[in-house]
Amino acid sequence: MKNAFKIYRMVISAFVLMGLVFFTISMDNAWSAEGNLKQVTLKVEGMTCAACPATVKAALKRLHGVVNADVSFREAKATVSYYEGKVTVEQMIKAIEDAGYHAYLITGEKQ
């Protein structure tokens, strides 16, 4: 009886593992289908302390399509990785401004 239970657990574990692999592969394909991964650098004005970048980063990360945001207090910049077609630079600027700062696209950057 113990051997049958062990075999049953192994079969169930194998099915769970196959399901997780399938899910991971399908999610990877879904992300790649969302659009091209782009990166943009925005000038952020009005940050007055070392805690301000966390506020800007949180505002950007709430936008659907933003993958990552690195915000530098010292350089007064936000470098944002995002999926084109899911979020626009204008939406990012608006999110930063809604958080209480001023932002604009750095000259020479492509959208």
C-alpha atoms as a PDB file:
ATOM      1  CA  MET A   1       0.000   0.000   0.000  1.00  0.00           C
ATOM      2  CA  LYS A   2       2.878   2.370   0.783  1.00  0.00           C
ATOM      3  CA  ASN A   3       4.435   1.758  -2.621  1.00  0.00           C
ATOM      4  CA  ALA A   4       1.167   2.516  -4.393  1.00  0.00           C
ATOM      5  CA  PHE A   5       0.889   5.795  -2.468  1.00  0.00           C
ATOM      6  CA  LYS A   6       4.466   6.734  -3.412  1.00  0.00           C
ATOM      7  CA  ILE A   7       3.759   6.019  -7.070  1.00  0.00           C
ATOM      8  CA  TYR A   8       0.557   8.082  -6.874  1.00  0.00           C
ATOM      9  CA  ARG A   9       2.486  11.032  -5.347  1.00  0.00           C
ATOM     10  CA  MET A  10       5.158  10.763  -8.047  1.00  0.00           C
ATOM     11  CA  VAL A  11       2.545  10.794 -10.820  1.00  0.00           C
ATOM     12  CA  ILE A  12       0.772  13.815  -9.294  1.00  0.00           C
ATOM     13  CA  SER A  13       4.120  15.605  -8.855  1.00  0.00           C
ATOM     14  CA  ALA A  14       4.994  14.946 -12.494  1.00  0.00           C
ATOM     15  CA  PHE A  15       1.668  16.413 -13.668  1.00  0.00           C
ATOM     16  CA  VAL A  16       2.123  19.489 -11.462  1.00  0.00           C
ATOM     17  CA  LEU A  17       5.642  19.973 -12.780  1.00  0.00           C
ATOM     18  CA  MET A  18       4.475  19.650 -16.390  1.00  0.00           C
ATOM     19  CA  GLY A  19       1.744  22.192 -15.698  1.00  0.00           C
ATOM     20  CA  LEU A  20       4.235  24.658 -14.251  1.00  0.00           C
ATOM     21  CA  VAL A  21       6.554  24.248 -17.239  1.00  0.00           C
ATOM     22  CA  PHE A  22       3.666  24.770 -19.659  1.00  0.00           C
ATOM     23  CA  PHE A  23       2.505  27.851 -17.738  1.00  0.00           C
ATOM     24  CA  THR A  24       6.013  29.345 -17.739  1.00  0.00           C
ATOM     25  CA  ILE A  25       6.441  28.806 -21.468  1.00  0.00           C
ATOM     26  CA  SER A  26       3.032  30.269 -22.279  1.00  0.00           C
ATOM     27  CA  MET A  27       3.634  33.340 -20.075  1.00  0.00           C
ATOM     28  CA  ASP A  28       7.008  33.944 -21.744  1.00  0.00           C
ATOM     29  CA  ASN A  29       5.306  33.891 -25.135  1.00  0.00           C
ATOM     30  CA  ALA A  30       2.554  36.209 -23.901  1.00  0.00           C
ATOM     31  CA  TRP A  31       5.080  38.796 -22.680  1.00  0.00           C
ATOM     32  CA  SER A  32       7.051  38.722 -25.902  1.00  0.00           C
ATOM     33  CA  ALA A  33       3.832  39.217 -27.869  1.00  0.00           C
ATOM     34  CA  GLU A  34       2.996  42.406 -25.951  1.00  0.00           C
ATOM     35  CA  GLY A  35       5.461  44.491 -27.893  1.00  0.00           C
ATOM     36  CA  ASN A  36       9.030  45.517 -28.101  1.00  0.00           C
ATOM     37  CA  LEU A  37      10.915  46.233 -24.924  1.00  0.00           C
ATOM     38  CA  LYS A  38      12.084  49.853 -25.025  1.00  0.00           C
ATOM     39  CA  GLN A  39      14.022  52.097 -22.703  1.00  0.00           C
ATOM     40  CA  VAL A  40      13.699  55.844 -22.197  1.00  0.00           C
ATOM     41  CA  THR A  41      15.401  58.356 -19.927  1.00  0.00           C
ATOM     42  CA  LEU A  42      13.371  61.161 -18.395  1.00  0.00           C
ATOM     43  CA  LYS A  43      14.626  64.239 -16.560  1.00  0.00           C
ATOM     44  CA  VAL A  44      12.847  64.516 -13.200  1.00  0.00           C
ATOM     45  CA  GLU A  45      12.811  67.880 -11.457  1.00  0.00           C
ATOM     46  CA  GLY A  46      11.625  68.633  -7.947  1.00  0.00           C
ATOM     47  CA  MET A  47      13.180  65.730  -6.056  1.00  0.00           C
ATOM     48  CA  THR A  48      14.412  67.280  -2.814  1.00  0.00           C
ATOM     49  CA  CYS A  49      15.539  64.310  -0.750  1.00  0.00           C
ATOM     50  CA  ALA A  50      16.878  60.793  -1.056  1.00  0.00           C
ATOM     51  CA  ALA A  51      13.365  59.353  -0.537  1.00  0.00           C
ATOM     52  CA  CYS A  52      11.889  61.087  -3.595  1.00  0.00           C
ATOM     53  CA  PRO A  53      13.202  58.512  -6.112  1.00  0.00           C
ATOM     54  CA  ALA A  54      11.185  55.801  -4.371  1.00  0.00           C
ATOM     55  CA  THR A  55       8.015  57.851  -4.913  1.00  0.00           C
ATOM     56  CA  VAL A  56       8.824  58.384  -8.593  1.00  0.00           C
ATOM     57  CA  LYS A  57       9.690  54.715  -9.071  1.00  0.00           C
ATOM     58  CA  ALA A  58       6.433  53.590  -7.428  1.00  0.00           C
ATOM     59  CA  ALA A  59       4.415  55.936  -9.661  1.00  0.00           C
ATOM     60  CA  LEU A  60       6.078  54.515 -12.769  1.00  0.00           C
ATOM     61  CA  LYS A  61       5.826  50.863 -11.703  1.00  0.00           C
ATOM     62  CA  ARG A  62       2.048  51.246 -11.275  1.00  0.00           C
ATOM     63  CA  LEU A  63       1.714  51.771 -15.024  1.00  0.00           C
ATOM     64  CA  HIS A  64       0.786  48.658 -16.993  1.00  0.00           C
ATOM     65  CA  GLY A  65       3.659  47.986 -19.355  1.00  0.00           C
ATOM     66  CA  VAL A  66       6.483  49.414 -17.249  1.00  0.00           C
ATOM     67  CA  VAL A  67       8.965  46.624 -16.558  1.00  0.00           C
ATOM     68  CA  ASN A  68      11.536  48.518 -14.525  1.00  0.00           C
ATOM     69  CA  ALA A  69      12.351  52.051 -13.412  1.00  0.00           C
ATOM     70  CA  ASP A  70      15.696  53.216 -12.088  1.00  0.00           C
ATOM     71  CA  VAL A  71      15.504  56.682 -10.560  1.00  0.00           C
ATOM     72  CA  SER A  72      18.589  58.661  -9.604  1.00  0.00           C
ATOM     73  CA  PHE A  73      18.321  61.509  -7.095  1.00  0.00           C
ATOM     74  CA  ARG A  74      21.861  62.684  -7.832  1.00  0.00           C
ATOM     75  CA  GLU A  75      21.340  62.794 -11.620  1.00  0.00           C
ATOM     76  CA  ALA A  76      17.645  63.779 -11.408  1.00  0.00           C
ATOM     77  CA  LYS A  77      16.799  61.113 -14.005  1.00  0.00           C
ATOM     78  CA  ALA A  78      14.499  58.142 -14.416  1.00  0.00           C
ATOM     79  CA  THR A  79      15.510  55.353 -16.795  1.00  0.00           C
ATOM     80  CA  VAL A  80      12.424  53.333 -17.634  1.00  0.00           C
ATOM     81  CA  SER A  81      12.165  49.959 -19.389  1.00  0.00           C
ATOM     82  CA  TYR A  82       8.715  49.424 -20.857  1.00  0.00           C
ATOM     83  CA  TYR A  83       6.718  47.566 -23.473  1.00  0.00           C
ATOM     84  CA  GLU A  84       5.926  49.746 -26.447  1.00  0.00           C
ATOM     85  CA  GLY A  85       2.222  49.600 -27.164  1.00  0.00           C
ATOM     86  CA  LYS A  86       1.293  49.074 -23.505  1.00  0.00           C
ATOM     87  CA  VAL A  87       2.386  52.438 -22.094  1.00  0.00           C
ATOM     88  CA  THR A  88       3.537  55.731 -23.605  1.00  0.00           C
ATOM     89  CA  VAL A  89       6.177  58.221 -22.563  1.00  0.00           C
ATOM     90  CA  GLU A  90       3.385  60.750 -22.089  1.00  0.00           C
ATOM     91  CA  GLN A  91       1.699  58.434 -19.577  1.00  0.00           C
ATOM     92  CA  MET A  92       4.986  58.078 -17.704  1.00  0.00           C
ATOM     93  CA  ILE A  93       5.440  61.847 -17.564  1.00  0.00           C
ATOM     94  CA  LYS A  94       1.865  62.264 -16.337  1.00  0.00           C
ATOM     95  CA  ALA A  95       2.396  59.642 -13.612  1.00  0.00           C
ATOM     96  CA  ILE A  96       5.517  61.455 -12.414  1.00  0.00           C
ATOM     97  CA  GLU A  97       3.712  64.786 -12.454  1.00  0.00           C
ATOM     98  CA  ASP A  98       0.732  63.308 -10.596  1.00  0.00           C
ATOM     99  CA  ALA A  99       3.244  62.224  -7.924  1.00  0.00           C
ATOM    100  CA  GLY A 100       4.259  65.864  -7.478  1.00  0.00           C
ATOM    101  CA  TYR A 101       7.326  66.238  -9.698  1.00  0.00           C
ATOM    102  CA  HIS A 102       8.063  67.689 -13.132  1.00  0.00           C
ATOM    103  CA  ALA A 103       9.349  65.404 -15.884  1.00  0.00           C
ATOM    104  CA  TYR A 104      10.272  65.625 -19.526  1.00  0.00           C
ATOM    105  CA  LEU A 105      11.981  63.532 -22.177  1.00  0.00           C
ATOM    106  CA  ILE A 106      15.697  64.244 -22.385  1.00  0.00           C
ATOM    107  CA  THR A 107      16.601  65.802 -25.758  1.00  0.00           C
ATOM    108  CA  GLY A 108      18.036  63.261 -28.147  1.00  0.00           C
ATOM    109  CA  GLU A 109      16.131  60.317 -26.638  1.00  0.00           C
ATOM    110  CA  LYS A 110      13.970  58.241 -28.931  1.00  0.00           C
ATOM    111  CA  GLN A 111      10.500  57.238 -27.828  1.00  0.00           C
END
